C-alpha atoms as a PDB file:
ATOM      1  CA  MET A   1     -31.720  34.678 111.617  1.00  0.00           C
ATOM      2  CA  ALA A   2     -34.486  37.276 111.849  1.00  0.00           C
ATOM      3  CA  THR A   3     -34.043  41.009 112.111  1.00  0.00           C
ATOM      4  CA  THR A   4     -36.399  43.524 113.588  1.00  0.00           C
ATOM      5  CA  SER A   5     -37.445  46.976 112.557  1.00  0.00           C
ATOM      6  CA  ARG A   6     -39.667  49.658 113.935  1.00  0.00           C
ATOM      7  CA  GLY A   7     -43.212  49.374 112.692  1.00  0.00           C
ATOM      8  CA  GLY A   8     -45.906  51.984 112.122  1.00  0.00           C
ATOM      9  CA  ALA A   9     -47.234  54.696 114.442  1.00  0.00           C
ATOM     10  CA  GLY A  10     -47.410  52.433 117.488  1.00  0.00           C
ATOM     11  CA  GLY A  11     -43.706  51.643 117.254  1.00  0.00           C
ATOM     12  CA  SER A  12     -44.399  47.916 117.283  1.00  0.00           C
ATOM     13  CA  ARG A  13     -41.680  45.607 116.136  1.00  0.00           C
ATOM     14  CA  ARG A  14     -42.094  43.278 113.228  1.00  0.00           C
ATOM     15  CA  HIS A  15     -39.845  40.479 112.154  1.00  0.00           C
ATOM     16  CA  ARG A  16     -38.591  40.186 108.658  1.00  0.00           C
ATOM     17  CA  PRO A  17     -36.374  37.542 107.194  1.00  0.00           C
ATOM     18  CA  SER A  18     -32.799  38.624 106.811  1.00  0.00           C
ATOM     19  CA  MET A  19     -31.474  38.524 103.283  1.00  0.00           C
ATOM     20  CA  PRO A  20     -27.851  38.861 102.349  1.00  0.00           C
ATOM     21  CA  ILE A  21     -26.904  42.229 100.960  1.00  0.00           C
ATOM     22  CA  ALA A  22     -25.829  41.942  97.349  1.00  0.00           C
ATOM     23  CA  SER A  23     -22.182  42.936  97.571  1.00  0.00           C
ATOM     24  CA  ARG A  24     -20.017  44.128  94.732  1.00  0.00           C
ATOM     25  CA  GLU A  25     -18.448  40.651  94.718  1.00  0.00           C
ATOM     26  CA  THR A  26     -21.889  39.050  94.343  1.00  0.00           C
ATOM     27  CA  VAL A  27     -22.328  40.891  91.052  1.00  0.00           C
ATOM     28  CA  THR A  28     -19.474  38.946  89.455  1.00  0.00           C
ATOM     29  CA  ARG A  29     -21.341  35.692  90.117  1.00  0.00           C
ATOM     30  CA  ILE A  30     -24.540  36.716  88.333  1.00  0.00           C
ATOM     31  CA  PRO A  31     -24.865  34.440  85.306  1.00  0.00           C
ATOM     32  CA  ILE A  32     -25.475  36.304  82.082  1.00  0.00           C
ATOM     33  CA  THR A  33     -26.032  33.830  79.287  1.00  0.00           C
ATOM     34  CA  GLY A  34     -27.110  33.888  75.703  1.00  0.00           C
ATOM     35  CA  ARG A  35     -25.754  34.048  72.213  1.00  0.00           C
ATOM     36  CA  SER A  36     -25.177  36.841  69.801  1.00  0.00           C
ATOM     37  CA  SER A  37     -24.633  35.741  66.240  1.00  0.00           C
ATOM     38  CA  ARG A  38     -24.491  39.368  65.047  1.00  0.00           C
ATOM     39  CA  ALA A  39     -21.422  40.325  67.060  1.00  0.00           C
ATOM     40  CA  PRO A  40     -19.460  37.578  68.839  1.00  0.00           C
ATOM     41  CA  GLY A  41     -18.068  39.851  71.568  1.00  0.00           C
ATOM     42  CA  LEU A  42     -21.259  41.817  72.088  1.00  0.00           C
ATOM     43  CA  LEU A  43     -22.635  39.662  74.908  1.00  0.00           C
ATOM     44  CA  VAL A  44     -19.278  39.699  76.679  1.00  0.00           C
ATOM     45  CA  ARG A  45     -19.040  43.503  76.480  1.00  0.00           C
ATOM     46  CA  LEU A  46     -22.665  43.883  77.525  1.00  0.00           C
ATOM     47  CA  SER A  47     -22.298  41.590  80.535  1.00  0.00           C
ATOM     48  CA  GLU A  48     -19.080  43.335  81.608  1.00  0.00           C
ATOM     49  CA  ALA A  49     -20.737  46.758  81.368  1.00  0.00           C
ATOM     50  CA  LEU A  50     -23.794  45.533  83.243  1.00  0.00           C
ATOM     51  CA  ARG A  51     -21.733  43.973  86.023  1.00  0.00           C
ATOM     52  CA  ALA A  52     -19.545  47.076  86.375  1.00  0.00           C
ATOM     53  CA  THR A  53     -22.589  49.334  86.555  1.00  0.00           C
ATOM     54  CA  LEU A  54     -24.304  47.069  89.105  1.00  0.00           C
ATOM     55  CA  ALA A  55     -21.146  47.005  91.211  1.00  0.00           C
ATOM     56  CA  ALA A  56     -21.001  50.815  91.165  1.00  0.00           C
ATOM     57  CA  LEU A  57     -24.549  51.206  92.506  1.00  0.00           C
ATOM     58  CA  PRO A  58     -24.999  52.084  96.179  1.00  0.00           C
ATOM     59  CA  ASP A  59     -25.392  48.930  98.289  1.00  0.00           C
ATOM     60  CA  ARG A  60     -29.127  49.245  98.919  1.00  0.00           C
ATOM     61  CA  TRP A  61     -29.856  50.065  95.258  1.00  0.00           C
ATOM     62  CA  ARG A  62     -27.834  47.042  94.127  1.00  0.00           C
ATOM     63  CA  GLN A  63     -29.639  44.838  96.634  1.00  0.00           C
ATOM     64  CA  VAL A  64     -33.048  45.942  95.352  1.00  0.00           C
ATOM     65  CA  VAL A  65     -32.084  45.404  91.688  1.00  0.00           C
ATOM     66  CA  ILE A  66     -30.629  41.959  92.312  1.00  0.00           C
ATOM     67  CA  LEU A  67     -33.499  40.795  94.488  1.00  0.00           C
ATOM     68  CA  ARG A  68     -36.153  42.071  92.066  1.00  0.00           C
ATOM     69  CA  ASP A  69     -34.622  41.686  88.602  1.00  0.00           C
ATOM     70  CA  VAL A  70     -32.135  38.845  89.050  1.00  0.00           C
ATOM     71  CA  ASP A  71     -33.776  36.729  91.768  1.00  0.00           C
ATOM     72  CA  GLY A  72     -37.342  37.620  90.737  1.00  0.00           C
ATOM     73  CA  ARG A  73     -38.525  38.329  94.280  1.00  0.00           C
ATOM     74  CA  PRO A  74     -41.896  40.085  94.686  1.00  0.00           C
ATOM     75  CA  ALA A  75     -41.885  43.805  95.488  1.00  0.00           C
ATOM     76  CA  ALA A  76     -43.496  43.351  98.912  1.00  0.00           C
ATOM     77  CA  GLU A  77     -40.849  40.815  99.926  1.00  0.00           C
ATOM     78  CA  VAL A  78     -38.002  43.056  98.778  1.00  0.00           C
ATOM     79  CA  ALA A  79     -39.478  46.070 100.558  1.00  0.00           C
ATOM     80  CA  ALA A  80     -39.806  44.068 103.780  1.00  0.00           C
ATOM     81  CA  ALA A  81     -36.309  42.586 103.484  1.00  0.00           C
ATOM     82  CA  THR A  82     -34.660  45.952 102.880  1.00  0.00           C
ATOM     83  CA  GLY A  83     -36.693  47.946 105.363  1.00  0.00           C
ATOM     84  CA  LEU A  84     -37.997  50.202 102.618  1.00  0.00           C
ATOM     85  CA  THR A  85     -41.595  51.164 102.062  1.00  0.00           C
ATOM     86  CA  ALA A  86     -43.180  49.856  98.863  1.00  0.00           C
ATOM     87  CA  GLU A  87     -42.894  53.354  97.360  1.00  0.00           C
ATOM     88  CA  GLN A  88     -39.218  53.709  98.318  1.00  0.00           C
ATOM     89  CA  GLN A  89     -38.440  50.282  96.897  1.00  0.00           C
ATOM     90  CA  ARG A  90     -40.157  51.242  93.634  1.00  0.00           C
ATOM     91  CA  ASP A  91     -38.250  54.548  93.465  1.00  0.00           C
ATOM     92  CA  VAL A  92     -34.906  52.865  94.124  1.00  0.00           C
ATOM     93  CA  LEU A  93     -35.628  50.213  91.504  1.00  0.00           C
ATOM     94  CA  ASN A  94     -36.643  52.779  88.886  1.00  0.00           C
ATOM     95  CA  ARG A  95     -33.579  54.962  89.535  1.00  0.00           C
ATOM     96  CA  SER A  96     -31.283  51.942  89.423  1.00  0.00           C
ATOM     97  CA  ARG A  97     -32.773  50.709  86.159  1.00  0.00           C
ATOM     98  CA  GLU A  98     -32.410  54.191  84.657  1.00  0.00           C
ATOM     99  CA  LEU A  99     -28.720  54.311  85.622  1.00  0.00           C
ATOM    100  CA  LEU A 100     -28.209  50.864  84.092  1.00  0.00           C
ATOM    101  CA  ARG A 101     -29.950  51.954  80.865  1.00  0.00           C
ATOM    102  CA  GLU A 102     -27.880  55.134  80.658  1.00  0.00           C
ATOM    103  CA  GLU A 103     -24.611  53.287  81.159  1.00  0.00           C
ATOM    104  CA  LEU A 104     -25.495  50.626  78.597  1.00  0.00           C
ATOM    105  CA  HIS A 105     -26.478  53.359  76.137  1.00  0.00           C
ATOM    106  CA  ARG A 106     -23.146  55.167  76.715  1.00  0.00           C
ATOM    107  CA  GLY A 107     -21.321  51.878  76.161  1.00  0.00           C
ATOM    108  CA  ARG A 108     -23.209  51.316  72.913  1.00  0.00           C
ATOM    109  CA  GLU A 109     -22.324  54.805  71.720  1.00  0.00           C
ATOM    110  CA  ARG A 110     -18.658  54.266  72.606  1.00  0.00           C
ATOM    111  CA  SER A 111     -18.615  50.971  70.688  1.00  0.00           C
ATOM    112  CA  ARG A 112     -20.049  52.754  67.639  1.00  0.00           C
ATOM    113  CA  GLY A 113     -17.329  55.367  67.838  1.00  0.00           C
ATOM    114  CA  GLY A 114     -19.601  58.129  69.149  1.00  0.00           C
ATOM    115  CA  SER A 115     -18.829  60.400  72.064  1.00  0.00           C
END
């Protein structure tokens, strides 16, 4: 199914492929694999923190992160699919990644016994 959106100054319509919005439930199905010989539960805690933080993101932010970082879609495709400009898509992705980094850092500090 194709969706339409208003185009540039002339108001022309362009078609873009519809992509499913990455729901909070979708986040639980993202495979996070690997091994940690240093701390057996580390990967489990990390994946739980990452999933919880992804689920807490606003819908559009989560969609951009999943399409770009999980699915590996190109920026132009994600921008077109979400109706964002390339600059907006980049801003959303950078803000989302920063929130993910901050939350993972807080989790690391908590696990070390810090505040």
